[in-house]
Amino acid sequence: MLTVSLHKIVIKAPIGLYPEEWTRDNTFETDVDVWLPDAQPWPFADYSLIHKAVTEVFARPAQLLETLVQGIHTDVKTLFPDAHKIRVAVRKMHPPLSGEVGYSQVCYEG
């Protein structure tokens, strides 16, 4: 099985649960892994399509990391319908919480 990955895709977007987050950009990191079946010829996944899918999902209105993860997973599955598994992780860097927090993360694998 071949795995194609694109990690640490950095996007700045006004996404968040609280109204003050909608007026300023938050920084997000996204990881996407796509597991492809063995095939002849060797399987191929254009990771520029993965990057485009991620940026398009972040351009849509959203408040929750779960919404972003679901949208990215759905769009990548559409691009690669034969994939055995797709893993998507979205991290919000330095979420606005009391104290110092590196990131919050939501991950889906399926």
C-alpha atoms as a PDB file:
ATOM      1  CA  MET A   1       0.000   0.000   0.000  1.00  0.00           C
ATOM      2  CA  LEU A   2       1.252   3.481  -0.888  1.00  0.00           C
ATOM      3  CA  THR A   3       0.720   6.460   1.404  1.00  0.00           C
ATOM      4  CA  VAL A   4       0.782   9.989   0.004  1.00  0.00           C
ATOM      5  CA  SER A   5       1.036  12.705   2.658  1.00  0.00           C
ATOM      6  CA  LEU A   6       0.942  16.468   2.764  1.00  0.00           C
ATOM      7  CA  HIS A   7       1.741  17.830   6.238  1.00  0.00           C
ATOM      8  CA  LYS A   8       1.875  21.232   7.909  1.00  0.00           C
ATOM      9  CA  ILE A   9      -0.256  23.030   5.353  1.00  0.00           C
ATOM     10  CA  VAL A  10      -0.426  26.470   6.988  1.00  0.00           C
ATOM     11  CA  ILE A  11      -3.527  28.579   6.409  1.00  0.00           C
ATOM     12  CA  LYS A  12      -4.630  31.812   8.042  1.00  0.00           C
ATOM     13  CA  ALA A  13      -8.406  32.255   8.185  1.00  0.00           C
ATOM     14  CA  PRO A  14     -11.072  33.996  10.290  1.00  0.00           C
ATOM     15  CA  ILE A  15     -12.502  30.717  11.609  1.00  0.00           C
ATOM     16  CA  GLY A  16     -13.525  30.057  15.194  1.00  0.00           C
ATOM     17  CA  LEU A  17     -16.378  29.530  17.579  1.00  0.00           C
ATOM     18  CA  TYR A  18     -16.322  33.008  19.092  1.00  0.00           C
ATOM     19  CA  PRO A  19     -17.298  36.252  17.280  1.00  0.00           C
ATOM     20  CA  GLU A  20     -13.926  37.907  17.974  1.00  0.00           C
ATOM     21  CA  GLU A  21     -12.281  35.098  15.977  1.00  0.00           C
ATOM     22  CA  TRP A  22     -14.333  36.006  12.885  1.00  0.00           C
ATOM     23  CA  THR A  23     -12.705  39.422  12.583  1.00  0.00           C
ATOM     24  CA  ARG A  24      -9.068  38.309  12.666  1.00  0.00           C
ATOM     25  CA  ASP A  25      -7.147  35.474  11.088  1.00  0.00           C
ATOM     26  CA  ASN A  26      -6.253  32.462  13.175  1.00  0.00           C
ATOM     27  CA  THR A  27      -3.392  30.203  12.100  1.00  0.00           C
ATOM     28  CA  PHE A  28      -4.176  26.588  11.261  1.00  0.00           C
ATOM     29  CA  GLU A  29      -2.022  23.612  10.273  1.00  0.00           C
ATOM     30  CA  THR A  30      -3.443  20.669   8.368  1.00  0.00           C
ATOM     31  CA  ASP A  31      -2.062  17.182   7.704  1.00  0.00           C
ATOM     32  CA  VAL A  32      -3.558  14.844   5.098  1.00  0.00           C
ATOM     33  CA  ASP A  33      -2.537  11.218   4.510  1.00  0.00           C
ATOM     34  CA  VAL A  34      -4.052   9.112   1.722  1.00  0.00           C
ATOM     35  CA  TRP A  35      -3.552   5.322   1.667  1.00  0.00           C
ATOM     36  CA  LEU A  36      -3.820   3.966  -1.890  1.00  0.00           C
ATOM     37  CA  PRO A  37      -4.253   0.335  -2.926  1.00  0.00           C
ATOM     38  CA  ASP A  38      -1.495  -1.603  -4.624  1.00  0.00           C
ATOM     39  CA  ALA A  39      -1.974  -1.384  -8.356  1.00  0.00           C
ATOM     40  CA  GLN A  40      -0.213  -1.667 -11.670  1.00  0.00           C
ATOM     41  CA  PRO A  41       0.927   0.770 -12.774  1.00  0.00           C
ATOM     42  CA  TRP A  42       2.157   2.154  -9.470  1.00  0.00           C
ATOM     43  CA  PRO A  43      -0.581   4.247  -7.761  1.00  0.00           C
ATOM     44  CA  PHE A  44      -0.334   8.016  -8.084  1.00  0.00           C
ATOM     45  CA  ALA A  45      -1.925  10.854  -6.112  1.00  0.00           C
ATOM     46  CA  ASP A  46      -1.274  14.437  -7.140  1.00  0.00           C
ATOM     47  CA  TYR A  47      -0.668  16.203  -3.825  1.00  0.00           C
ATOM     48  CA  SER A  48      -1.351  19.582  -5.435  1.00  0.00           C
ATOM     49  CA  LEU A  49      -4.991  18.429  -5.615  1.00  0.00           C
ATOM     50  CA  ILE A  50      -4.899  17.671  -1.890  1.00  0.00           C
ATOM     51  CA  HIS A  51      -3.537  21.147  -1.201  1.00  0.00           C
ATOM     52  CA  LYS A  52      -6.239  22.730  -3.359  1.00  0.00           C
ATOM     53  CA  ALA A  53      -8.969  20.765  -1.547  1.00  0.00           C
ATOM     54  CA  VAL A  54      -7.674  21.968   1.832  1.00  0.00           C
ATOM     55  CA  THR A  55      -7.503  25.627   0.792  1.00  0.00           C
ATOM     56  CA  GLU A  56     -10.993  25.467  -0.735  1.00  0.00           C
ATOM     57  CA  VAL A  57     -12.490  24.053   2.467  1.00  0.00           C
ATOM     58  CA  PHE A  58     -10.845  26.802   4.534  1.00  0.00           C
ATOM     59  CA  ALA A  59     -12.395  29.401   2.189  1.00  0.00           C
ATOM     60  CA  ARG A  60     -15.893  28.227   3.187  1.00  0.00           C
ATOM     61  CA  PRO A  61     -17.592  29.714   6.251  1.00  0.00           C
ATOM     62  CA  ALA A  62     -17.014  27.528   9.323  1.00  0.00           C
ATOM     63  CA  GLN A  63     -16.788  27.779  13.082  1.00  0.00           C
ATOM     64  CA  LEU A  64     -15.622  24.319  14.132  1.00  0.00           C
ATOM     65  CA  LEU A  65     -12.481  22.308  13.446  1.00  0.00           C
ATOM     66  CA  GLU A  66     -14.773  19.297  13.071  1.00  0.00           C
ATOM     67  CA  THR A  67     -16.497  21.003  10.124  1.00  0.00           C
ATOM     68  CA  LEU A  68     -13.130  21.631   8.456  1.00  0.00           C
ATOM     69  CA  VAL A  69     -11.969  18.041   8.982  1.00  0.00           C
ATOM     70  CA  GLN A  70     -15.220  16.631   7.610  1.00  0.00           C
ATOM     71  CA  GLY A  71     -15.113  18.889   4.530  1.00  0.00           C
ATOM     72  CA  ILE A  72     -11.481  18.076   3.755  1.00  0.00           C
ATOM     73  CA  HIS A  73     -12.050  14.333   4.208  1.00  0.00           C
ATOM     74  CA  THR A  74     -15.125  14.392   1.947  1.00  0.00           C
ATOM     75  CA  ASP A  75     -13.365  16.397  -0.776  1.00  0.00           C
ATOM     76  CA  VAL A  76     -10.193  14.261  -0.717  1.00  0.00           C
ATOM     77  CA  LYS A  77     -12.288  11.060  -0.813  1.00  0.00           C
ATOM     78  CA  THR A  78     -14.011  12.458  -3.918  1.00  0.00           C
ATOM     79  CA  LEU A  79     -10.602  13.048  -5.518  1.00  0.00           C
ATOM     80  CA  PHE A  80      -9.317   9.574  -4.607  1.00  0.00           C
ATOM     81  CA  PRO A  81     -12.348   7.259  -4.410  1.00  0.00           C
ATOM     82  CA  ASP A  82     -10.176   4.114  -4.371  1.00  0.00           C
ATOM     83  CA  ALA A  83      -8.260   5.211  -1.256  1.00  0.00           C
ATOM     84  CA  HIS A  84      -8.264   2.594   1.496  1.00  0.00           C
ATOM     85  CA  LYS A  85      -8.101   5.237   4.175  1.00  0.00           C
ATOM     86  CA  ILE A  86      -7.738   9.002   4.525  1.00  0.00           C
ATOM     87  CA  ARG A  87      -6.485  10.735   7.655  1.00  0.00           C
ATOM     88  CA  VAL A  88      -7.094  14.461   8.170  1.00  0.00           C
ATOM     89  CA  ALA A  89      -5.824  16.468  11.147  1.00  0.00           C
ATOM     90  CA  VAL A  90      -6.520  20.174  11.617  1.00  0.00           C
ATOM     91  CA  ARG A  91      -4.718  22.140  14.319  1.00  0.00           C
ATOM     92  CA  LYS A  92      -5.606  25.619  15.530  1.00  0.00           C
ATOM     93  CA  MET A  93      -2.340  27.169  16.626  1.00  0.00           C
ATOM     94  CA  HIS A  94      -2.365  29.042  19.939  1.00  0.00           C
ATOM     95  CA  PRO A  95      -6.135  28.953  20.538  1.00  0.00           C
ATOM     96  CA  PRO A  96      -7.492  31.868  22.575  1.00  0.00           C
ATOM     97  CA  LEU A  97      -7.532  30.165  25.971  1.00  0.00           C
ATOM     98  CA  SER A  98      -6.210  31.265  29.318  1.00  0.00           C
ATOM     99  CA  GLY A  99      -2.601  30.184  29.715  1.00  0.00           C
ATOM    100  CA  GLU A 100      -0.258  29.039  26.990  1.00  0.00           C
ATOM    101  CA  VAL A 101      -1.581  26.342  24.652  1.00  0.00           C
ATOM    102  CA  GLY A 102       0.383  25.216  21.585  1.00  0.00           C
ATOM    103  CA  TYR A 103      -2.626  24.030  19.578  1.00  0.00           C
ATOM    104  CA  SER A 104      -5.988  22.328  19.633  1.00  0.00           C
ATOM    105  CA  GLN A 105      -6.515  19.491  17.145  1.00  0.00           C
ATOM    106  CA  VAL A 106      -9.290  17.463  15.577  1.00  0.00           C
ATOM    107  CA  CYS A 107      -8.360  14.342  13.612  1.00  0.00           C
ATOM    108  CA  TYR A 108     -10.429  11.877  11.576  1.00  0.00           C
ATOM    109  CA  GLU A 109      -9.251   8.664   9.978  1.00  0.00           C
ATOM    110  CA  GLY A 110     -11.478   6.561   7.819  1.00  0.00           C
END
